[in-house]
């Protein structure tokens, strides 16, 4: 019988989400990883920057293990940064720098997860006082859910850029079909939507 290991299960799904998000940058130009594709500015490199900050905050500051304990934090990680500054990369912030920060965030998060039990108590400094106390289990679920959500955003943005689809590199998880089939499929969905919408 397989012994349950909730921490390992949660970490595996978190890592799958991390990998799914990060590979969406592969093979794209500097312009394409930064371009906003929604009215609110959603872009691939910004998503990676955002989830790096999420991990550093929730697995670092929340459990008294700050990542920026020996060096000043990045400008966008501070409380007085401009709104939404963690959701896009400035011209001075390179793709390599942001991806490297995300890898460092993984290592820092994983060390926190390894060091603490799932029922370890932390305090989220930016939450209201009456809700700040959390467990590592709660934070693992929360961060995994958030990362999966943003990986879904990245799926759509990447498809809009060059048509690339799929959950992981080399495994597109999509029904077989050439461009003609997909165009027919999309046209069918459009037709049904218009029929229902006009009825």
N, C-alpha and C. Protein backbone atom coordinates (compact mmCIF):
# COMPACT_ATOMS: atom_id res chain seq x y z
N UNK A 1 0.85 -1.19 0.00
CA UNK A 1 0.00 0.00 0.00
C UNK A 1 0.89 1.25 0.00
N UNK A 2 0.52 2.23 -0.79
CA UNK A 2 1.29 3.46 -0.88
C UNK A 2 0.95 4.35 0.31
N UNK A 3 2.01 4.79 1.01
CA UNK A 3 1.82 5.69 2.14
C UNK A 3 1.50 7.09 1.63
N UNK A 4 0.48 7.75 2.16
CA UNK A 4 0.17 9.11 1.73
C UNK A 4 1.27 10.09 2.13
N UNK A 5 1.58 11.01 1.26
CA UNK A 5 2.58 12.03 1.53
C UNK A 5 2.04 13.37 1.01
N UNK A 6 1.16 14.00 1.78
CA UNK A 6 0.50 15.22 1.30
C UNK A 6 1.48 16.32 0.89
N UNK A 7 2.57 16.49 1.63
CA UNK A 7 3.52 17.54 1.30
C UNK A 7 4.15 17.30 -0.06
N UNK A 8 4.54 16.06 -0.32
CA UNK A 8 5.15 15.72 -1.61
C UNK A 8 4.15 15.91 -2.75
N UNK A 9 2.89 15.53 -2.50
CA UNK A 9 1.85 15.71 -3.52
C UNK A 9 1.67 17.20 -3.86
N UNK A 10 1.57 18.02 -2.83
CA UNK A 10 1.37 19.45 -3.05
C UNK A 10 2.56 20.06 -3.76
N UNK A 11 3.76 19.68 -3.37
CA UNK A 11 4.96 20.23 -4.00
C UNK A 11 5.06 19.79 -5.46
N UNK A 12 4.65 18.57 -5.75
CA UNK A 12 4.69 18.08 -7.14
C UNK A 12 3.77 18.91 -8.03
N UNK A 13 2.57 19.21 -7.55
CA UNK A 13 1.64 20.01 -8.36
C UNK A 13 2.11 21.46 -8.47
N UNK A 14 2.75 21.97 -7.43
CA UNK A 14 3.32 23.31 -7.52
C UNK A 14 4.42 23.34 -8.58
N UNK A 15 5.29 22.34 -8.56
CA UNK A 15 6.39 22.31 -9.52
C UNK A 15 5.88 22.15 -10.95
N UNK A 16 4.85 21.36 -11.13
CA UNK A 16 4.26 21.22 -12.47
C UNK A 16 3.73 22.57 -12.97
N UNK A 17 3.11 23.33 -12.08
CA UNK A 17 2.61 24.64 -12.47
C UNK A 17 3.75 25.59 -12.80
N UNK A 18 4.81 25.55 -12.00
CA UNK A 18 5.99 26.39 -12.26
C UNK A 18 6.56 26.09 -13.65
N UNK A 19 6.75 24.81 -13.92
CA UNK A 19 7.33 24.40 -15.21
C UNK A 19 6.43 24.81 -16.37
N UNK A 20 5.12 24.61 -16.21
CA UNK A 20 4.18 24.93 -17.28
C UNK A 20 4.22 26.42 -17.60
N UNK A 21 4.31 27.25 -16.58
CA UNK A 21 4.36 28.69 -16.79
C UNK A 21 5.66 29.11 -17.46
N UNK A 22 6.76 28.59 -16.96
CA UNK A 22 8.06 29.06 -17.42
C UNK A 22 8.35 28.69 -18.87
N UNK A 23 7.90 27.51 -19.29
CA UNK A 23 8.25 27.12 -20.66
C UNK A 23 7.50 27.92 -21.70
N UNK A 24 6.47 28.64 -21.31
CA UNK A 24 5.73 29.47 -22.27
C UNK A 24 6.58 30.61 -22.83
N UNK A 25 7.71 30.90 -22.19
CA UNK A 25 8.63 31.93 -22.69
C UNK A 25 9.58 31.39 -23.75
N UNK A 26 9.75 30.07 -23.81
CA UNK A 26 10.76 29.47 -24.68
C UNK A 26 10.57 29.83 -26.15
N UNK A 27 11.66 30.24 -26.77
CA UNK A 27 11.66 30.48 -28.20
C UNK A 27 11.04 31.79 -28.64
N UNK A 28 10.63 32.62 -27.71
CA UNK A 28 10.00 33.89 -28.07
C UNK A 28 11.01 35.04 -28.02
N UNK A 29 10.73 36.07 -28.78
CA UNK A 29 11.57 37.26 -28.81
C UNK A 29 11.39 38.06 -27.52
N UNK A 30 12.31 39.00 -27.29
CA UNK A 30 12.20 39.88 -26.13
C UNK A 30 10.90 40.68 -26.20
N UNK A 31 10.52 41.08 -27.39
CA UNK A 31 9.27 41.83 -27.54
C UNK A 31 8.07 40.96 -27.17
N UNK A 32 8.02 39.76 -27.69
CA UNK A 32 6.85 38.91 -27.48
C UNK A 32 6.65 38.51 -26.02
N UNK A 33 7.74 38.31 -25.26
CA UNK A 33 7.55 37.93 -23.85
C UNK A 33 7.06 39.10 -23.01
N UNK A 34 7.18 40.32 -23.53
CA UNK A 34 6.80 41.52 -22.79
C UNK A 34 5.50 42.16 -23.26
N UNK A 35 5.06 41.82 -24.46
CA UNK A 35 3.89 42.49 -25.04
C UNK A 35 2.62 42.23 -24.24
N UNK A 36 1.82 43.27 -24.00
CA UNK A 36 0.53 43.08 -23.31
C UNK A 36 -0.52 42.56 -24.28
N UNK A 37 -1.24 41.53 -23.86
CA UNK A 37 -2.24 40.92 -24.74
C UNK A 37 -3.67 41.05 -24.24
N UNK A 38 -3.86 41.79 -23.16
CA UNK A 38 -5.22 42.05 -22.66
C UNK A 38 -5.32 43.53 -22.33
N UNK A 39 -6.53 44.03 -22.17
CA UNK A 39 -6.69 45.44 -21.80
C UNK A 39 -6.01 45.80 -20.47
N UNK A 40 -5.80 44.81 -19.59
CA UNK A 40 -5.14 45.08 -18.32
C UNK A 40 -3.64 44.81 -18.36
N UNK A 41 -3.12 44.48 -19.55
CA UNK A 41 -1.67 44.37 -19.71
C UNK A 41 -1.05 43.01 -19.49
N UNK A 42 -1.83 41.95 -19.42
CA UNK A 42 -1.27 40.62 -19.17
C UNK A 42 -0.21 40.27 -20.21
N UNK A 43 0.96 39.87 -19.71
CA UNK A 43 2.10 39.52 -20.55
C UNK A 43 2.89 38.40 -19.89
N UNK A 44 3.62 37.63 -20.69
CA UNK A 44 4.27 36.41 -20.19
C UNK A 44 5.34 36.70 -19.14
N UNK A 45 6.25 37.61 -19.43
CA UNK A 45 7.34 37.87 -18.49
C UNK A 45 6.81 38.47 -17.19
N UNK A 46 5.77 39.28 -17.30
CA UNK A 46 5.14 39.84 -16.11
C UNK A 46 4.52 38.76 -15.22
N UNK A 47 3.94 37.75 -15.86
CA UNK A 47 3.37 36.65 -15.07
C UNK A 47 4.45 35.92 -14.28
N UNK A 48 5.60 35.70 -14.92
CA UNK A 48 6.71 35.02 -14.23
C UNK A 48 7.22 35.89 -13.07
N UNK A 49 7.38 37.18 -13.33
CA UNK A 49 7.84 38.10 -12.29
C UNK A 49 6.86 38.09 -11.11
N UNK A 50 5.57 38.11 -11.42
CA UNK A 50 4.55 38.12 -10.38
C UNK A 50 4.61 36.87 -9.50
N UNK A 51 4.67 35.70 -10.12
CA UNK A 51 4.66 34.47 -9.30
C UNK A 51 5.96 34.32 -8.52
N UNK A 52 7.05 34.86 -9.02
CA UNK A 52 8.29 34.86 -8.24
C UNK A 52 8.08 35.65 -6.95
N UNK A 53 7.47 36.83 -7.07
CA UNK A 53 7.19 37.63 -5.89
C UNK A 53 6.21 36.97 -4.94
N UNK A 54 5.22 36.29 -5.50
CA UNK A 54 4.24 35.57 -4.68
C UNK A 54 4.95 34.52 -3.83
N UNK A 55 5.82 33.73 -4.45
CA UNK A 55 6.53 32.70 -3.68
C UNK A 55 7.45 33.30 -2.62
N UNK A 56 8.18 34.36 -2.99
CA UNK A 56 9.09 34.97 -2.02
C UNK A 56 8.33 35.51 -0.81
N UNK A 57 7.15 36.07 -1.06
CA UNK A 57 6.36 36.59 0.05
C UNK A 57 5.74 35.51 0.90
N UNK A 58 5.03 34.60 0.26
CA UNK A 58 4.27 33.60 1.02
C UNK A 58 5.15 32.54 1.68
N UNK A 59 6.20 32.10 1.02
CA UNK A 59 7.06 31.08 1.64
C UNK A 59 8.26 31.67 2.37
N UNK A 60 8.47 32.97 2.19
CA UNK A 60 9.58 33.62 2.86
C UNK A 60 9.11 34.46 4.03
N UNK A 61 8.57 35.65 3.73
CA UNK A 61 8.17 36.60 4.77
C UNK A 61 7.14 36.01 5.73
N UNK A 62 6.19 35.25 5.19
CA UNK A 62 5.12 34.68 6.02
C UNK A 62 5.64 33.78 7.12
N UNK A 63 6.74 33.08 6.85
CA UNK A 63 7.26 32.12 7.83
C UNK A 63 8.58 32.58 8.46
N UNK A 64 8.81 33.90 8.43
CA UNK A 64 10.00 34.44 9.08
C UNK A 64 11.29 34.01 8.40
N UNK A 65 11.21 33.75 7.11
CA UNK A 65 12.38 33.31 6.35
C UNK A 65 12.54 34.23 5.12
N UNK A 66 12.73 35.54 5.33
CA UNK A 66 12.77 36.47 4.20
C UNK A 66 13.90 36.18 3.23
N UNK A 67 13.57 36.25 1.96
CA UNK A 67 14.58 36.04 0.91
C UNK A 67 15.54 37.22 0.87
N UNK A 68 14.99 38.42 1.05
CA UNK A 68 15.81 39.63 0.98
C UNK A 68 16.30 40.02 2.37
N UNK A 69 16.96 39.10 3.08
CA UNK A 69 17.42 39.43 4.42
C UNK A 69 18.83 40.02 4.43
N UNK A 70 19.62 39.73 3.37
CA UNK A 70 20.99 40.23 3.32
C UNK A 70 21.19 41.25 2.21
N UNK A 71 20.18 41.47 1.40
CA UNK A 71 20.26 42.43 0.30
C UNK A 71 18.93 43.17 0.21
N UNK A 72 18.96 44.40 -0.31
CA UNK A 72 17.69 45.13 -0.43
C UNK A 72 16.78 44.47 -1.45
N UNK A 73 15.48 44.52 -1.24
CA UNK A 73 14.55 43.89 -2.20
C UNK A 73 14.50 44.67 -3.50
N UNK A 74 14.06 44.01 -4.55
CA UNK A 74 13.84 44.67 -5.83
C UNK A 74 12.83 45.79 -5.62
N UNK A 75 12.93 46.84 -6.43
CA UNK A 75 12.08 48.04 -6.27
C UNK A 75 10.60 47.71 -6.27
N UNK A 76 10.20 46.71 -7.07
CA UNK A 76 8.78 46.40 -7.20
C UNK A 76 8.27 45.54 -6.05
N UNK A 77 9.19 45.03 -5.21
CA UNK A 77 8.80 44.16 -4.09
C UNK A 77 8.49 44.97 -2.83
N UNK A 78 8.75 46.26 -2.87
CA UNK A 78 8.56 47.09 -1.69
C UNK A 78 7.12 47.60 -1.59
N UNK A 79 6.74 48.01 -0.39
CA UNK A 79 5.37 48.44 -0.14
C UNK A 79 5.01 49.72 -0.89
N UNK A 80 5.99 50.57 -1.18
CA UNK A 80 5.69 51.84 -1.81
C UNK A 80 5.91 51.83 -3.33
N UNK A 81 5.97 50.64 -3.92
CA UNK A 81 6.12 50.55 -5.38
C UNK A 81 4.81 50.95 -6.06
N UNK A 82 4.91 51.27 -7.32
CA UNK A 82 3.72 51.68 -8.06
C UNK A 82 2.77 50.51 -8.24
N UNK A 83 1.48 50.75 -8.40
CA UNK A 83 0.51 49.66 -8.59
C UNK A 83 0.86 48.79 -9.80
N UNK A 84 0.72 47.49 -9.62
CA UNK A 84 0.91 46.51 -10.69
C UNK A 84 2.36 46.38 -11.16
N UNK A 85 3.29 46.89 -10.38
CA UNK A 85 4.69 46.88 -10.82
C UNK A 85 5.29 45.48 -10.89
N UNK A 86 4.64 44.52 -10.24
CA UNK A 86 5.15 43.15 -10.30
C UNK A 86 4.59 42.38 -11.49
N UNK A 87 3.78 43.05 -12.33
CA UNK A 87 3.13 42.34 -13.44
C UNK A 87 3.72 42.69 -14.81
N UNK A 88 4.87 43.38 -14.84
CA UNK A 88 5.52 43.68 -16.10
C UNK A 88 7.00 43.94 -15.85
N UNK A 89 7.77 43.81 -16.89
CA UNK A 89 9.22 44.00 -16.79
C UNK A 89 9.62 45.32 -17.42
N UNK A 90 10.39 46.11 -16.68
CA UNK A 90 10.90 47.36 -17.24
C UNK A 90 11.99 47.04 -18.27
N UNK A 91 12.39 48.06 -19.01
CA UNK A 91 13.45 47.88 -20.01
C UNK A 91 14.76 47.47 -19.36
N UNK A 92 14.95 47.84 -18.09
CA UNK A 92 16.19 47.51 -17.38
C UNK A 92 16.17 46.10 -16.77
N UNK A 93 15.03 45.46 -16.75
CA UNK A 93 14.92 44.12 -16.17
C UNK A 93 14.96 43.09 -17.30
N UNK A 94 15.98 42.28 -17.33
CA UNK A 94 16.12 41.31 -18.42
C UNK A 94 15.29 40.07 -18.15
N UNK A 95 15.00 39.36 -19.22
CA UNK A 95 14.31 38.07 -19.09
C UNK A 95 15.13 37.14 -18.20
N UNK A 96 16.44 37.12 -18.43
CA UNK A 96 17.32 36.22 -17.66
C UNK A 96 17.26 36.54 -16.17
N UNK A 97 17.24 37.83 -15.84
CA UNK A 97 17.19 38.23 -14.44
C UNK A 97 15.89 37.77 -13.78
N UNK A 98 14.79 37.93 -14.47
CA UNK A 98 13.49 37.55 -13.90
C UNK A 98 13.36 36.03 -13.78
N UNK A 99 13.79 35.31 -14.82
CA UNK A 99 13.73 33.85 -14.75
C UNK A 99 14.64 33.33 -13.65
N UNK A 100 15.83 33.92 -13.51
CA UNK A 100 16.75 33.50 -12.45
C UNK A 100 16.14 33.78 -11.07
N UNK A 101 15.49 34.93 -10.92
CA UNK A 101 14.83 35.21 -9.64
C UNK A 101 13.75 34.17 -9.35
N UNK A 102 13.03 33.76 -10.38
CA UNK A 102 12.00 32.73 -10.17
C UNK A 102 12.63 31.41 -9.74
N UNK A 103 13.73 31.04 -10.35
CA UNK A 103 14.43 29.82 -9.92
C UNK A 103 14.91 29.95 -8.47
N UNK A 104 15.42 31.12 -8.11
CA UNK A 104 15.85 31.33 -6.73
C UNK A 104 14.66 31.27 -5.77
N UNK A 105 13.52 31.78 -6.22
CA UNK A 105 12.31 31.71 -5.40
C UNK A 105 11.91 30.26 -5.17
N UNK A 106 12.02 29.42 -6.22
CA UNK A 106 11.71 28.00 -6.06
C UNK A 106 12.58 27.40 -4.96
N UNK A 107 13.87 27.65 -5.05
CA UNK A 107 14.81 27.07 -4.07
C UNK A 107 14.47 27.54 -2.65
N UNK A 108 14.19 28.83 -2.53
CA UNK A 108 13.87 29.38 -1.21
C UNK A 108 12.56 28.78 -0.68
N UNK A 109 11.56 28.70 -1.55
CA UNK A 109 10.28 28.11 -1.15
C UNK A 109 10.45 26.65 -0.77
N UNK A 110 11.17 25.91 -1.60
CA UNK A 110 11.34 24.48 -1.34
C UNK A 110 12.08 24.23 -0.03
N UNK A 111 13.02 25.13 0.33
CA UNK A 111 13.73 24.96 1.60
C UNK A 111 12.78 25.22 2.78
N UNK A 112 11.87 26.17 2.61
CA UNK A 112 10.86 26.41 3.66
C UNK A 112 9.94 25.21 3.79
N UNK A 113 9.49 24.69 2.65
CA UNK A 113 8.58 23.54 2.66
C UNK A 113 9.24 22.33 3.29
N UNK A 114 10.53 22.12 2.98
CA UNK A 114 11.26 20.98 3.55
C UNK A 114 11.48 21.15 5.05
N UNK A 115 11.71 22.37 5.49
CA UNK A 115 12.07 22.61 6.89
C UNK A 115 10.89 22.58 7.85
N UNK A 116 9.70 22.88 7.33
CA UNK A 116 8.55 23.03 8.21
C UNK A 116 7.52 21.93 8.00
N UNK A 117 6.74 21.65 9.02
CA UNK A 117 5.63 20.72 8.88
C UNK A 117 4.45 21.44 8.24
N UNK A 118 3.52 20.68 7.69
CA UNK A 118 2.36 21.29 7.05
C UNK A 118 1.50 22.09 8.02
N UNK A 119 1.56 21.77 9.31
CA UNK A 119 0.77 22.53 10.28
C UNK A 119 1.56 23.65 10.94
N UNK A 120 2.76 23.94 10.42
CA UNK A 120 3.55 25.06 10.93
C UNK A 120 2.78 26.36 10.72
N UNK A 121 2.87 27.25 11.68
CA UNK A 121 2.12 28.51 11.64
C UNK A 121 2.99 29.64 11.11
N UNK A 122 2.40 30.41 10.20
CA UNK A 122 3.03 31.62 9.70
C UNK A 122 2.06 32.77 9.80
N UNK A 123 2.55 33.97 9.46
CA UNK A 123 1.73 35.18 9.52
C UNK A 123 1.95 35.98 8.25
N UNK A 124 0.87 36.23 7.52
CA UNK A 124 0.96 36.97 6.25
C UNK A 124 0.90 38.46 6.58
N UNK A 125 2.03 39.18 6.45
CA UNK A 125 2.09 40.58 6.91
C UNK A 125 1.13 41.52 6.20
N UNK A 126 0.80 41.24 4.97
CA UNK A 126 -0.04 42.17 4.18
C UNK A 126 -1.53 41.83 4.25
N UNK A 127 -1.91 40.82 5.04
CA UNK A 127 -3.32 40.49 5.22
C UNK A 127 -3.88 41.23 6.44
N UNK A 128 -5.21 41.38 6.53
CA UNK A 128 -5.81 41.98 7.73
C UNK A 128 -5.42 41.20 8.98
N UNK A 129 -5.28 41.92 10.08
CA UNK A 129 -4.79 41.34 11.33
C UNK A 129 -5.54 40.07 11.74
N UNK A 130 -6.86 40.05 11.56
CA UNK A 130 -7.65 38.92 12.03
C UNK A 130 -7.53 37.68 11.15
N UNK A 131 -6.86 37.79 9.98
CA UNK A 131 -6.72 36.64 9.09
C UNK A 131 -5.26 36.27 8.83
N UNK A 132 -4.34 36.93 9.48
CA UNK A 132 -2.91 36.76 9.15
C UNK A 132 -2.36 35.37 9.47
N UNK A 133 -2.88 34.73 10.49
CA UNK A 133 -2.32 33.45 10.91
C UNK A 133 -2.75 32.35 9.94
N UNK A 134 -1.75 31.63 9.39
CA UNK A 134 -1.99 30.58 8.39
C UNK A 134 -1.08 29.39 8.67
N UNK A 135 -1.39 28.28 8.02
CA UNK A 135 -0.49 27.12 8.09
C UNK A 135 0.27 26.99 6.78
N UNK A 136 1.36 26.26 6.82
CA UNK A 136 2.11 25.99 5.59
C UNK A 136 1.22 25.25 4.59
N UNK A 137 0.37 24.36 5.08
CA UNK A 137 -0.55 23.64 4.21
C UNK A 137 -1.44 24.62 3.44
N UNK A 138 -1.99 25.57 4.14
CA UNK A 138 -2.85 26.58 3.50
C UNK A 138 -2.08 27.35 2.42
N UNK A 139 -0.87 27.75 2.74
CA UNK A 139 -0.07 28.54 1.80
C UNK A 139 0.34 27.70 0.60
N UNK A 140 0.66 26.45 0.80
CA UNK A 140 1.00 25.57 -0.33
C UNK A 140 -0.17 25.45 -1.30
N UNK A 141 -1.35 25.26 -0.76
CA UNK A 141 -2.54 25.17 -1.62
C UNK A 141 -2.78 26.50 -2.32
N UNK A 142 -2.67 27.58 -1.59
CA UNK A 142 -2.93 28.91 -2.15
C UNK A 142 -1.96 29.25 -3.28
N UNK A 143 -0.68 29.04 -3.06
CA UNK A 143 0.33 29.39 -4.07
C UNK A 143 0.24 28.46 -5.28
N UNK A 144 -0.04 27.19 -5.05
CA UNK A 144 -0.21 26.27 -6.18
C UNK A 144 -1.40 26.69 -7.03
N UNK A 145 -2.50 27.03 -6.38
CA UNK A 145 -3.69 27.48 -7.10
C UNK A 145 -3.40 28.75 -7.89
N UNK A 146 -2.71 29.69 -7.27
CA UNK A 146 -2.38 30.95 -7.94
C UNK A 146 -1.46 30.72 -9.14
N UNK A 147 -0.47 29.85 -8.97
CA UNK A 147 0.47 29.58 -10.06
C UNK A 147 -0.23 28.87 -11.21
N UNK A 148 -1.10 27.92 -10.90
CA UNK A 148 -1.86 27.24 -11.95
C UNK A 148 -2.74 28.23 -12.70
N UNK A 149 -3.36 29.15 -11.98
CA UNK A 149 -4.20 30.17 -12.61
C UNK A 149 -3.40 30.99 -13.60
N UNK A 150 -2.22 31.42 -13.19
CA UNK A 150 -1.39 32.23 -14.09
C UNK A 150 -0.79 31.40 -15.23
N UNK A 151 -0.57 30.13 -14.99
CA UNK A 151 -0.13 29.25 -16.08
C UNK A 151 -1.22 29.17 -17.15
N UNK A 152 -2.49 29.18 -16.72
CA UNK A 152 -3.59 29.21 -17.67
C UNK A 152 -3.63 30.50 -18.47
N UNK A 153 -3.34 31.62 -17.78
CA UNK A 153 -3.23 32.89 -18.51
C UNK A 153 -2.13 32.78 -19.57
N UNK A 154 -1.00 32.21 -19.17
CA UNK A 154 0.14 32.08 -20.09
C UNK A 154 -0.20 31.18 -21.27
N UNK A 155 -0.99 30.14 -21.03
CA UNK A 155 -1.44 29.27 -22.14
C UNK A 155 -2.12 30.10 -23.23
N UNK A 156 -3.03 30.95 -22.80
CA UNK A 156 -3.80 31.73 -23.77
C UNK A 156 -2.93 32.77 -24.46
N UNK A 157 -2.08 33.46 -23.69
CA UNK A 157 -1.21 34.47 -24.28
C UNK A 157 -0.27 33.83 -25.31
N UNK A 158 0.31 32.68 -24.96
CA UNK A 158 1.25 32.04 -25.89
C UNK A 158 0.52 31.58 -27.16
N UNK A 159 -0.69 31.07 -27.02
CA UNK A 159 -1.44 30.67 -28.21
C UNK A 159 -1.73 31.87 -29.10
N UNK A 160 -2.00 33.02 -28.50
CA UNK A 160 -2.24 34.22 -29.28
C UNK A 160 -0.98 34.69 -30.01
N UNK A 161 0.18 34.44 -29.42
CA UNK A 161 1.43 34.88 -30.03
C UNK A 161 1.79 34.05 -31.25
N UNK A 162 1.83 32.73 -31.07
CA UNK A 162 2.33 31.90 -32.19
C UNK A 162 1.59 30.57 -32.36
N UNK A 163 0.48 30.39 -31.65
CA UNK A 163 -0.30 29.17 -31.82
C UNK A 163 0.17 27.99 -30.99
N UNK A 164 1.25 28.16 -30.22
CA UNK A 164 1.74 27.06 -29.38
C UNK A 164 0.76 26.78 -28.26
N UNK A 165 0.46 25.50 -28.05
CA UNK A 165 -0.49 25.11 -27.02
C UNK A 165 0.07 23.94 -26.22
N UNK A 166 -0.54 23.68 -25.08
CA UNK A 166 -0.18 22.49 -24.31
C UNK A 166 0.29 22.83 -22.91
N UNK A 167 0.20 21.83 -22.06
CA UNK A 167 0.52 21.97 -20.65
C UNK A 167 2.02 21.96 -20.38
N UNK A 168 2.72 21.07 -21.06
CA UNK A 168 4.16 20.96 -20.86
C UNK A 168 4.87 20.84 -22.19
N UNK A 169 6.15 21.12 -22.16
CA UNK A 169 6.95 21.04 -23.37
C UNK A 169 6.92 19.61 -23.92
N UNK A 170 6.63 19.48 -25.21
CA UNK A 170 6.64 18.17 -25.85
C UNK A 170 5.38 17.35 -25.65
N UNK A 171 4.44 17.90 -24.88
CA UNK A 171 3.18 17.17 -24.64
C UNK A 171 2.06 18.20 -24.70
N UNK A 172 1.39 18.26 -25.86
CA UNK A 172 0.45 19.36 -26.03
C UNK A 172 -0.94 19.08 -25.45
N UNK A 173 -1.23 17.84 -25.09
CA UNK A 173 -2.50 17.51 -24.43
C UNK A 173 -3.73 17.96 -25.23
N UNK A 174 -3.57 18.05 -26.52
CA UNK A 174 -4.67 18.52 -27.36
C UNK A 174 -5.12 17.42 -28.30
N UNK A 175 -6.39 17.42 -28.71
CA UNK A 175 -6.85 16.42 -29.68
C UNK A 175 -6.06 16.58 -30.99
N UNK A 176 -5.85 15.48 -31.71
CA UNK A 176 -5.13 15.60 -32.97
C UNK A 176 -5.94 16.40 -33.99
N UNK A 177 -5.27 17.18 -34.78
CA UNK A 177 -5.96 17.97 -35.79
C UNK A 177 -5.01 18.96 -36.44
N UNK A 178 -5.11 19.11 -37.73
CA UNK A 178 -4.25 20.08 -38.42
C UNK A 178 -4.93 21.45 -38.39
N UNK A 179 -4.29 22.43 -39.00
CA UNK A 179 -4.81 23.79 -38.97
C UNK A 179 -6.22 23.87 -39.55
N UNK A 180 -6.47 23.14 -40.61
CA UNK A 180 -7.79 23.16 -41.23
C UNK A 180 -8.85 22.63 -40.26
N UNK A 181 -8.52 21.56 -39.55
CA UNK A 181 -9.48 20.98 -38.59
C UNK A 181 -9.79 21.99 -37.49
N UNK A 182 -8.75 22.65 -36.95
CA UNK A 182 -8.96 23.61 -35.86
C UNK A 182 -9.76 24.82 -36.33
N UNK A 183 -9.50 25.26 -37.56
CA UNK A 183 -10.28 26.37 -38.09
C UNK A 183 -11.76 26.00 -38.22
N UNK A 184 -12.01 24.76 -38.67
CA UNK A 184 -13.39 24.28 -38.76
C UNK A 184 -14.03 24.16 -37.40
N UNK A 185 -13.28 23.68 -36.44
CA UNK A 185 -13.77 23.54 -35.07
C UNK A 185 -14.14 24.91 -34.49
N UNK A 186 -13.23 25.87 -34.65
CA UNK A 186 -13.49 27.21 -34.13
C UNK A 186 -14.71 27.84 -34.81
N UNK A 187 -14.81 27.65 -36.12
CA UNK A 187 -15.96 28.19 -36.85
C UNK A 187 -17.27 27.59 -36.35
N UNK A 188 -17.23 26.30 -36.04
CA UNK A 188 -18.42 25.63 -35.52
C UNK A 188 -18.84 26.23 -34.18
N UNK A 189 -17.85 26.45 -33.31
CA UNK A 189 -18.15 27.04 -32.00
C UNK A 189 -18.71 28.45 -32.15
N UNK A 190 -18.13 29.20 -33.08
CA UNK A 190 -18.62 30.56 -33.33
C UNK A 190 -20.07 30.53 -33.82
N UNK A 191 -20.35 29.59 -34.71
CA UNK A 191 -21.70 29.48 -35.27
C UNK A 191 -22.72 29.13 -34.19
N UNK A 192 -22.36 28.16 -33.34
CA UNK A 192 -23.27 27.77 -32.26
C UNK A 192 -23.50 28.94 -31.30
N UNK A 193 -22.43 29.64 -30.96
CA UNK A 193 -22.55 30.78 -30.04
C UNK A 193 -23.50 31.83 -30.61
N UNK A 194 -23.36 32.12 -31.89
CA UNK A 194 -24.20 33.15 -32.51
C UNK A 194 -25.66 32.69 -32.60
N UNK A 195 -25.84 31.38 -32.88
CA UNK A 195 -27.21 30.85 -32.95
C UNK A 195 -27.89 30.95 -31.60
N UNK A 196 -27.18 30.56 -30.55
CA UNK A 196 -27.76 30.60 -29.21
C UNK A 196 -27.97 32.05 -28.78
N UNK A 197 -26.98 32.89 -29.09
CA UNK A 197 -27.05 34.29 -28.68
C UNK A 197 -28.16 35.07 -29.37
N UNK A 198 -28.54 34.65 -30.57
CA UNK A 198 -29.57 35.38 -31.28
C UNK A 198 -30.96 34.79 -31.05
N UNK A 199 -31.01 33.64 -30.35
CA UNK A 199 -32.28 32.96 -30.16
C UNK A 199 -33.00 33.47 -28.96
